[in-house]
Amino acid sequence: MAVLLAGCAGKPNQGRVDLACHSGIEAAYDELSFARSQGFSGSVAWTKASTLLGSAKVMEQVENYDGCLANVEKARFYIRQSQGK
């Protein structure tokens, strides 16, 4: 019984982090596209956000979800900053 429970200990939470990473990347790319359409694509903050999202996508691929989420959060900050918010 203990072996059965130990085998399932971390999986459900890991799936939620995976989904949060993926949906965070999608939302941030949408925000980045909107910022670009508003003419903010030349700003330093926009470029930083774009680079961080690329890095977050790589981290998602190698299953480093905590790093992915951290980069998404930073990218969204820079997106807001590029828009003067």
PDB file of N, CA and C in Angstrom:
ATOM      1  N   MET A   1       0.821  -1.185   0.000  1.00  0.00           N
ATOM      2  CA  MET A   1       0.000   0.000   0.000  1.00  0.00           C
ATOM      3  C   MET A   1       0.867   1.252   0.000  1.00  0.00           C
ATOM      4  N   ALA A   2       1.932   1.281   0.812  1.00  0.00           N
ATOM      5  CA  ALA A   2       2.812   2.442   0.879  1.00  0.00           C
ATOM      6  C   ALA A   2       3.501   2.695  -0.458  1.00  0.00           C
ATOM      7  N   VAL A   3       3.865   1.634  -1.168  1.00  0.00           N
ATOM      8  CA  VAL A   3       4.514   1.779  -2.465  1.00  0.00           C
ATOM      9  C   VAL A   3       3.552   2.417  -3.465  1.00  0.00           C
ATOM     10  N   LEU A   4       2.309   2.027  -3.435  1.00  0.00           N
ATOM     11  CA  LEU A   4       1.304   2.585  -4.323  1.00  0.00           C
ATOM     12  C   LEU A   4       1.129   4.079  -4.076  1.00  0.00           C
ATOM     13  N   LEU A   5       1.043   4.489  -2.835  1.00  0.00           N
ATOM     14  CA  LEU A   5       0.878   5.898  -2.504  1.00  0.00           C
ATOM     15  C   LEU A   5       2.124   6.712  -2.835  1.00  0.00           C
ATOM     16  N   ALA A   6       3.293   6.160  -2.615  1.00  0.00           N
ATOM     17  CA  ALA A   6       4.540   6.866  -2.900  1.00  0.00           C
ATOM     18  C   ALA A   6       4.697   7.107  -4.399  1.00  0.00           C
ATOM     19  N   GLY A   7       4.223   6.211  -5.221  1.00  0.00           N
ATOM     20  CA  GLY A   7       4.324   6.353  -6.665  1.00  0.00           C
ATOM     21  C   GLY A   7       3.483   7.479  -7.219  1.00  0.00           C
ATOM     22  N   CYS A   8       2.444   7.888  -6.529  1.00  0.00           N
ATOM     23  CA  CYS A   8       1.543   8.921  -7.014  1.00  0.00           C
ATOM     24  C   CYS A   8       1.741  10.263  -6.310  1.00  0.00           C
ATOM     25  N   ALA A   9       2.706  10.369  -5.446  1.00  0.00           N
ATOM     26  CA  ALA A   9       2.836  11.537  -4.575  1.00  0.00           C
ATOM     27  C   ALA A   9       2.964  12.863  -5.316  1.00  0.00           C
ATOM     28  N   GLY A  10       3.796  12.968  -6.336  1.00  0.00           N
ATOM     29  CA  GLY A  10       4.045  14.267  -6.941  1.00  0.00           C
ATOM     30  C   GLY A  10       3.343  14.547  -8.248  1.00  0.00           C
ATOM     31  N   LYS A  11       2.720  13.615  -8.875  1.00  0.00           N
ATOM     32  CA  LYS A  11       2.195  13.791 -10.215  1.00  0.00           C
ATOM     33  C   LYS A  11       1.087  14.830 -10.379  1.00  0.00           C
ATOM     34  N   PRO A  12       0.040  14.866  -9.589  1.00  0.00           N
ATOM     35  CA  PRO A  12      -1.024  15.833  -9.852  1.00  0.00           C
ATOM     36  C   PRO A  12      -0.554  17.283  -9.802  1.00  0.00           C
ATOM     37  N   ASN A  13       0.257  17.628  -8.838  1.00  0.00           N
ATOM     38  CA  ASN A  13       0.756  18.989  -8.725  1.00  0.00           C
ATOM     39  C   ASN A  13       1.639  19.339  -9.914  1.00  0.00           C
ATOM     40  N   GLN A  14       2.462  18.418 -10.362  1.00  0.00           N
ATOM     41  CA  GLN A  14       3.347  18.649 -11.504  1.00  0.00           C
ATOM     42  C   GLN A  14       2.545  18.990 -12.745  1.00  0.00           C
ATOM     43  N   GLY A  15       1.415  18.319 -12.933  1.00  0.00           N
ATOM     44  CA  GLY A  15       0.572  18.602 -14.085  1.00  0.00           C
ATOM     45  C   GLY A  15       0.028  20.009 -14.061  1.00  0.00           C
ATOM     46  N   ARG A  16      -0.336  20.506 -12.907  1.00  0.00           N
ATOM     47  CA  ARG A  16      -0.859  21.866 -12.789  1.00  0.00           C
ATOM     48  C   ARG A  16       0.217  22.896 -13.102  1.00  0.00           C
ATOM     49  N   VAL A  17       1.443  22.647 -12.672  1.00  0.00           N
ATOM     50  CA  VAL A  17       2.538  23.562 -12.967  1.00  0.00           C
ATOM     51  C   VAL A  17       2.808  23.564 -14.471  1.00  0.00           C
ATOM     52  N   ASP A  18       2.731  22.413 -15.089  1.00  0.00           N
ATOM     53  CA  ASP A  18       2.897  22.282 -16.525  1.00  0.00           C
ATOM     54  C   ASP A  18       1.850  23.123 -17.257  1.00  0.00           C
ATOM     55  N   LEU A  19       0.604  22.995 -16.846  1.00  0.00           N
ATOM     56  CA  LEU A  19      -0.473  23.756 -17.481  1.00  0.00           C
ATOM     57  C   LEU A  19      -0.331  25.253 -17.222  1.00  0.00           C
ATOM     58  N   ALA A  20       0.077  25.621 -16.025  1.00  0.00           N
ATOM     59  CA  ALA A  20       0.271  27.034 -15.702  1.00  0.00           C
ATOM     60  C   ALA A  20       1.383  27.638 -16.557  1.00  0.00           C
ATOM     61  N   CYS A  21       2.440  26.892 -16.754  1.00  0.00           N
ATOM     62  CA  CYS A  21       3.541  27.340 -17.603  1.00  0.00           C
ATOM     63  C   CYS A  21       3.040  27.551 -19.032  1.00  0.00           C
ATOM     64  N   HIS A  22       2.364  26.554 -19.570  1.00  0.00           N
ATOM     65  CA  HIS A  22       1.884  26.618 -20.949  1.00  0.00           C
ATOM     66  C   HIS A  22       0.888  27.765 -21.153  1.00  0.00           C
ATOM     67  N   SER A  23      -0.086  27.871 -20.271  1.00  0.00           N
ATOM     68  CA  SER A  23      -1.090  28.921 -20.426  1.00  0.00           C
ATOM     69  C   SER A  23      -0.485  30.307 -20.173  1.00  0.00           C
ATOM     70  N   GLY A  24       0.498  30.387 -19.278  1.00  0.00           N
ATOM     71  CA  GLY A  24       1.185  31.655 -19.043  1.00  0.00           C
ATOM     72  C   GLY A  24       1.943  32.126 -20.270  1.00  0.00           C
ATOM     73  N   ILE A  25       2.611  31.201 -20.943  1.00  0.00           N
ATOM     74  CA  ILE A  25       3.332  31.538 -22.176  1.00  0.00           C
ATOM     75  C   ILE A  25       2.353  32.032 -23.235  1.00  0.00           C
ATOM     76  N   GLU A  26       1.249  31.330 -23.406  1.00  0.00           N
ATOM     77  CA  GLU A  26       0.259  31.731 -24.410  1.00  0.00           C
ATOM     78  C   GLU A  26      -0.302  33.121 -24.113  1.00  0.00           C
ATOM     79  N   ALA A  27      -0.654  33.375 -22.862  1.00  0.00           N
ATOM     80  CA  ALA A  27      -1.209  34.681 -22.484  1.00  0.00           C
ATOM     81  C   ALA A  27      -0.181  35.793 -22.698  1.00  0.00           C
ATOM     82  N   ALA A  28       1.058  35.527 -22.323  1.00  0.00           N
ATOM     83  CA  ALA A  28       2.101  36.545 -22.476  1.00  0.00           C
ATOM     84  C   ALA A  28       2.384  36.827 -23.953  1.00  0.00           C
ATOM     85  N   TYR A  29       2.379  35.786 -24.796  1.00  0.00           N
ATOM     86  CA  TYR A  29       2.572  36.015 -26.229  1.00  0.00           C
ATOM     87  C   TYR A  29       1.417  36.828 -26.811  1.00  0.00           C
ATOM     88  N   ASP A  30       0.194  36.612 -26.332  1.00  0.00           N
ATOM     89  CA  ASP A  30      -0.939  37.422 -26.769  1.00  0.00           C
ATOM     90  C   ASP A  30      -0.738  38.883 -26.375  1.00  0.00           C
ATOM     91  N   GLU A  31      -0.301  39.110 -25.141  1.00  0.00           N
ATOM     92  CA  GLU A  31      -0.036  40.464 -24.667  1.00  0.00           C
ATOM     93  C   GLU A  31       1.097  41.115 -25.468  1.00  0.00           C
ATOM     94  N   LEU A  32       2.120  40.313 -25.780  1.00  0.00           N
ATOM     95  CA  LEU A  32       3.247  40.818 -26.556  1.00  0.00           C
ATOM     96  C   LEU A  32       2.794  41.209 -27.966  1.00  0.00           C
ATOM     97  N   SER A  33       1.943  40.403 -28.571  1.00  0.00           N
ATOM     98  CA  SER A  33       1.412  40.723 -29.900  1.00  0.00           C
ATOM     99  C   SER A  33       0.585  41.995 -29.866  1.00  0.00           C
ATOM    100  N   PHE A  34      -0.213  42.144 -28.826  1.00  0.00           N
ATOM    101  CA  PHE A  34      -1.009  43.352 -28.695  1.00  0.00           C
ATOM    102  C   PHE A  34      -0.101  44.574 -28.550  1.00  0.00           C
ATOM    103  N   ALA A  35       0.939  44.455 -27.725  1.00  0.00           N
ATOM    104  CA  ALA A  35       1.881  45.563 -27.548  1.00  0.00           C
ATOM    105  C   ALA A  35       2.551  45.896 -28.881  1.00  0.00           C
ATOM    106  N   ARG A  36       2.868  44.882 -29.657  1.00  0.00           N
ATOM    107  CA  ARG A  36       3.488  45.104 -30.963  1.00  0.00           C
ATOM    108  C   ARG A  36       2.526  45.847 -31.885  1.00  0.00           C
ATOM    109  N   SER A  37       1.264  45.460 -31.863  1.00  0.00           N
ATOM    110  CA  SER A  37       0.276  46.111 -32.727  1.00  0.00           C
ATOM    111  C   SER A  37       0.055  47.571 -32.338  1.00  0.00           C
ATOM    112  N   GLN A  38       0.375  47.902 -31.101  1.00  0.00           N
ATOM    113  CA  GLN A  38       0.230  49.273 -30.619  1.00  0.00           C
ATOM    114  C   GLN A  38       1.504  50.098 -30.856  1.00  0.00           C
ATOM    115  N   GLY A  39       2.511  49.492 -31.461  1.00  0.00           N
ATOM    116  CA  GLY A  39       3.728  50.217 -31.802  1.00  0.00           C
ATOM    117  C   GLY A  39       4.814  50.193 -30.745  1.00  0.00           C
ATOM    118  N   PHE A  40       4.734  49.275 -29.798  1.00  0.00           N
ATOM    119  CA  PHE A  40       5.727  49.228 -28.729  1.00  0.00           C
ATOM    120  C   PHE A  40       6.841  48.223 -28.988  1.00  0.00           C
ATOM    121  N   SER A  41       6.902  47.664 -30.198  1.00  0.00           N
ATOM    122  CA  SER A  41       7.858  46.587 -30.454  1.00  0.00           C
ATOM    123  C   SER A  41       9.307  47.054 -30.508  1.00  0.00           C
ATOM    124  N   GLY A  42       9.559  48.342 -30.631  1.00  0.00           N
ATOM    125  CA  GLY A  42      10.929  48.825 -30.688  1.00  0.00           C
ATOM    126  C   GLY A  42      11.539  49.118 -29.337  1.00  0.00           C
ATOM    127  N   SER A  43      10.761  49.002 -28.285  1.00  0.00           N
ATOM    128  CA  SER A  43      11.275  49.375 -26.971  1.00  0.00           C
ATOM    129  C   SER A  43      12.170  48.287 -26.387  1.00  0.00           C
ATOM    130  N   VAL A  44      13.044  48.704 -25.494  1.00  0.00           N
ATOM    131  CA  VAL A  44      13.950  47.768 -24.815  1.00  0.00           C
ATOM    132  C   VAL A  44      13.143  46.787 -23.968  1.00  0.00           C
ATOM    133  N   ALA A  45      12.108  47.275 -23.287  1.00  0.00           N
ATOM    134  CA  ALA A  45      11.288  46.407 -22.442  1.00  0.00           C
ATOM    135  C   ALA A  45      10.594  45.335 -23.281  1.00  0.00           C
ATOM    136  N   TRP A  46      10.114  45.691 -24.463  1.00  0.00           N
ATOM    137  CA  TRP A  46       9.450  44.721 -25.343  1.00  0.00           C
ATOM    138  C   TRP A  46      10.445  43.644 -25.767  1.00  0.00           C
ATOM    139  N   THR A  47      11.666  44.059 -26.093  1.00  0.00           N
ATOM    140  CA  THR A  47      12.707  43.105 -26.503  1.00  0.00           C
ATOM    141  C   THR A  47      13.069  42.159 -25.363  1.00  0.00           C
ATOM    142  N   LYS A  48      13.174  42.695 -24.146  1.00  0.00           N
ATOM    143  CA  LYS A  48      13.459  41.846 -22.990  1.00  0.00           C
ATOM    144  C   LYS A  48      12.337  40.826 -22.794  1.00  0.00           C
ATOM    145  N   ALA A  49      11.094  41.271 -22.929  1.00  0.00           N
ATOM    146  CA  ALA A  49       9.955  40.369 -22.760  1.00  0.00           C
ATOM    147  C   ALA A  49       9.980  39.269 -23.805  1.00  0.00           C
ATOM    148  N   SER A  50      10.265  39.629 -25.025  1.00  0.00           N
ATOM    149  CA  SER A  50      10.323  38.638 -26.104  1.00  0.00           C
ATOM    150  C   SER A  50      11.399  37.586 -25.838  1.00  0.00           C
ATOM    151  N   THR A  51      12.560  38.031 -25.378  1.00  0.00           N
ATOM    152  CA  THR A  51      13.657  37.115 -25.061  1.00  0.00           C
ATOM    153  C   THR A  51      13.294  36.194 -23.898  1.00  0.00           C
ATOM    154  N   LEU A  52      12.669  36.754 -22.874  1.00  0.00           N
ATOM    155  CA  LEU A  52      12.269  35.942 -21.720  1.00  0.00           C
ATOM    156  C   LEU A  52      11.221  34.899 -22.104  1.00  0.00           C
ATOM    157  N   LEU A  53      10.315  35.251 -23.000  1.00  0.00           N
ATOM    158  CA  LEU A  53       9.310  34.275 -23.429  1.00  0.00           C
ATOM    159  C   LEU A  53       9.938  33.150 -24.248  1.00  0.00           C
ATOM    160  N   GLY A  54      10.922  33.485 -25.052  1.00  0.00           N
ATOM    161  CA  GLY A  54      11.647  32.440 -25.780  1.00  0.00           C
ATOM    162  C   GLY A  54      12.332  31.486 -24.817  1.00  0.00           C
ATOM    163  N   SER A  55      12.941  32.042 -23.790  1.00  0.00           N
ATOM    164  CA  SER A  55      13.589  31.232 -22.763  1.00  0.00           C
ATOM    165  C   SER A  55      12.568  30.387 -22.001  1.00  0.00           C
ATOM    166  N   ALA A  56      11.414  30.974 -21.702  1.00  0.00           N
ATOM    167  CA  ALA A  56      10.362  30.229 -20.996  1.00  0.00           C
ATOM    168  C   ALA A  56       9.894  29.047 -21.833  1.00  0.00           C
ATOM    169  N   LYS A  57       9.803  29.233 -23.141  1.00  0.00           N
ATOM    170  CA  LYS A  57       9.379  28.150 -24.034  1.00  0.00           C
ATOM    171  C   LYS A  57      10.396  27.003 -24.001  1.00  0.00           C
ATOM    172  N   VAL A  58      11.673  27.344 -23.982  1.00  0.00           N
ATOM    173  CA  VAL A  58      12.723  26.315 -23.889  1.00  0.00           C
ATOM    174  C   VAL A  58      12.616  25.587 -22.555  1.00  0.00           C
ATOM    175  N   MET A  59      12.410  26.339 -21.479  1.00  0.00           N
ATOM    176  CA  MET A  59      12.283  25.719 -20.152  1.00  0.00           C
ATOM    177  C   MET A  59      11.074  24.798 -20.095  1.00  0.00           C
ATOM    178  N   GLU A  60      10.003  25.168 -20.769  1.00  0.00           N
ATOM    179  CA  GLU A  60       8.833  24.287 -20.829  1.00  0.00           C
ATOM    180  C   GLU A  60       9.200  22.970 -21.520  1.00  0.00           C
ATOM    181  N   GLN A  61       9.964  23.057 -22.593  1.00  0.00           N
ATOM    182  CA  GLN A  61      10.359  21.865 -23.344  1.00  0.00           C
ATOM    183  C   GLN A  61      11.218  20.907 -22.520  1.00  0.00           C
ATOM    184  N   VAL A  62      12.057  21.465 -21.637  1.00  0.00           N
ATOM    185  CA  VAL A  62      12.922  20.619 -20.807  1.00  0.00           C
ATOM    186  C   VAL A  62      12.312  20.367 -19.431  1.00  0.00           C
ATOM    187  N   GLU A  63      11.047  20.726 -19.280  1.00  0.00           N
ATOM    188  CA  GLU A  63      10.254  20.474 -18.069  1.00  0.00           C
ATOM    189  C   GLU A  63      10.791  21.185 -16.832  1.00  0.00           C
ATOM    190  N   ASN A  64      11.352  22.369 -17.022  1.00  0.00           N
ATOM    191  CA  ASN A  64      11.755  23.224 -15.911  1.00  0.00           C
ATOM    192  C   ASN A  64      10.631  24.242 -15.713  1.00  0.00           C
ATOM    193  N   TYR A  65       9.539  23.790 -15.121  1.00  0.00           N
ATOM    194  CA  TYR A  65       8.330  24.598 -15.045  1.00  0.00           C
ATOM    195  C   TYR A  65       8.451  25.780 -14.088  1.00  0.00           C
ATOM    196  N   ASP A  66       9.216  25.637 -13.024  1.00  0.00           N
ATOM    197  CA  ASP A  66       9.402  26.758 -12.105  1.00  0.00           C
ATOM    198  C   ASP A  66      10.147  27.895 -12.800  1.00  0.00           C
ATOM    199  N   GLY A  67      11.177  27.557 -13.534  1.00  0.00           N
ATOM    200  CA  GLY A  67      11.913  28.563 -14.301  1.00  0.00           C
ATOM    201  C   GLY A  67      11.057  29.184 -15.383  1.00  0.00           C
ATOM    202  N   CYS A  68      10.237  28.366 -16.009  1.00  0.00           N
ATOM    203  CA  CYS A  68       9.308  28.843 -17.027  1.00  0.00           C
ATOM    204  C   CYS A  68       8.372  29.894 -16.446  1.00  0.00           C
ATOM    205  N   LEU A  69       7.764  29.565 -15.320  1.00  0.00           N
ATOM    206  CA  LEU A  69       6.823  30.495 -14.692  1.00  0.00           C
ATOM    207  C   LEU A  69       7.504  31.788 -14.262  1.00  0.00           C
ATOM    208  N   ALA A  70       8.728  31.687 -13.777  1.00  0.00           N
ATOM    209  CA  ALA A  70       9.472  32.885 -13.371  1.00  0.00           C
ATOM    210  C   ALA A  70       9.737  33.785 -14.581  1.00  0.00           C
ATOM    211  N   ASN A  71      10.113  33.195 -15.701  1.00  0.00           N
ATOM    212  CA  ASN A  71      10.375  33.983 -16.903  1.00  0.00           C
ATOM    213  C   ASN A  71       9.100  34.586 -17.475  1.00  0.00           C
ATOM    214  N   VAL A  72       8.004  33.850 -17.404  1.00  0.00           N
ATOM    215  CA  VAL A  72       6.726  34.387 -17.876  1.00  0.00           C
ATOM    216  C   VAL A  72       6.330  35.605 -17.036  1.00  0.00           C
ATOM    217  N   GLU A  73       6.499  35.494 -15.741  1.00  0.00           N
ATOM    218  CA  GLU A  73       6.161  36.608 -14.847  1.00  0.00           C
ATOM    219  C   GLU A  73       7.014  37.838 -15.159  1.00  0.00           C
ATOM    220  N   LYS A  74       8.316  37.633 -15.361  1.00  0.00           N
ATOM    221  CA  LYS A  74       9.202  38.744 -15.705  1.00  0.00           C
ATOM    222  C   LYS A  74       8.820  39.336 -17.061  1.00  0.00           C
ATOM    223  N   ALA A  75       8.520  38.470 -18.016  1.00  0.00           N
ATOM    224  CA  ALA A  75       8.152  38.940 -19.353  1.00  0.00           C
ATOM    225  C   ALA A  75       6.895  39.791 -19.311  1.00  0.00           C
ATOM    226  N   ARG A  76       5.910  39.361 -18.552  1.00  0.00           N
ATOM    227  CA  ARG A  76       4.672  40.129 -18.453  1.00  0.00           C
ATOM    228  C   ARG A  76       4.913  41.487 -17.794  1.00  0.00           C
ATOM    229  N   PHE A  77       5.841  41.537 -16.852  1.00  0.00           N
ATOM    230  CA  PHE A  77       6.228  42.812 -16.246  1.00  0.00           C
ATOM    231  C   PHE A  77       6.795  43.746 -17.315  1.00  0.00           C
ATOM    232  N   TYR A  78       7.714  43.231 -18.138  1.00  0.00           N
ATOM    233  CA  TYR A  78       8.327  44.053 -19.173  1.00  0.00           C
ATOM    234  C   TYR A  78       7.320  44.455 -20.255  1.00  0.00           C
ATOM    235  N   ILE A  79       6.364  43.595 -20.539  1.00  0.00           N
ATOM    236  CA  ILE A  79       5.311  43.948 -21.504  1.00  0.00           C
ATOM    237  C   ILE A  79       4.522  45.138 -20.976  1.00  0.00           C
ATOM    238  N   ARG A  80       4.133  45.076 -19.717  1.00  0.00           N
ATOM    239  CA  ARG A  80       3.409  46.211 -19.108  1.00  0.00           C
ATOM    240  C   ARG A  80       4.279  47.465 -19.128  1.00  0.00           C
ATOM    241  N   GLN A  81       5.565  47.292 -18.849  1.00  0.00           N
ATOM    242  CA  GLN A  81       6.482  48.419 -18.830  1.00  0.00           C
ATOM    243  C   GLN A  81       6.635  49.018 -20.232  1.00  0.00           C
ATOM    244  N   SER A  82       6.656  48.184 -21.258  1.00  0.00           N
ATOM    245  CA  SER A  82       6.806  48.679 -22.628  1.00  0.00           C
ATOM    246  C   SER A  82       5.608  49.525 -23.040  1.00  0.00           C
ATOM    247  N   GLN A  83       4.474  49.275 -22.420  1.00  0.00           N
ATOM    248  CA  GLN A  83       3.265  50.015 -22.738  1.00  0.00           C
ATOM    249  C   GLN A  83       3.081  51.221 -21.816  1.00  0.00           C
ATOM    250  N   GLY A  84       4.016  51.444 -20.925  1.00  0.00           N
ATOM    251  CA  GLY A  84       3.952  52.576 -20.019  1.00  0.00           C
ATOM    252  C   GLY A  84       2.942  52.405 -18.895  1.00  0.00           C
ATOM    253  N   LYS A  85       2.617  51.160 -18.581  1.00  0.00           N
ATOM    254  CA  LYS A  85       1.625  50.877 -17.508  1.00  0.00           C
ATOM    255  C   LYS A  85       2.315  50.681 -16.183  1.00  0.00           C
TER     256      LYS A  85
END
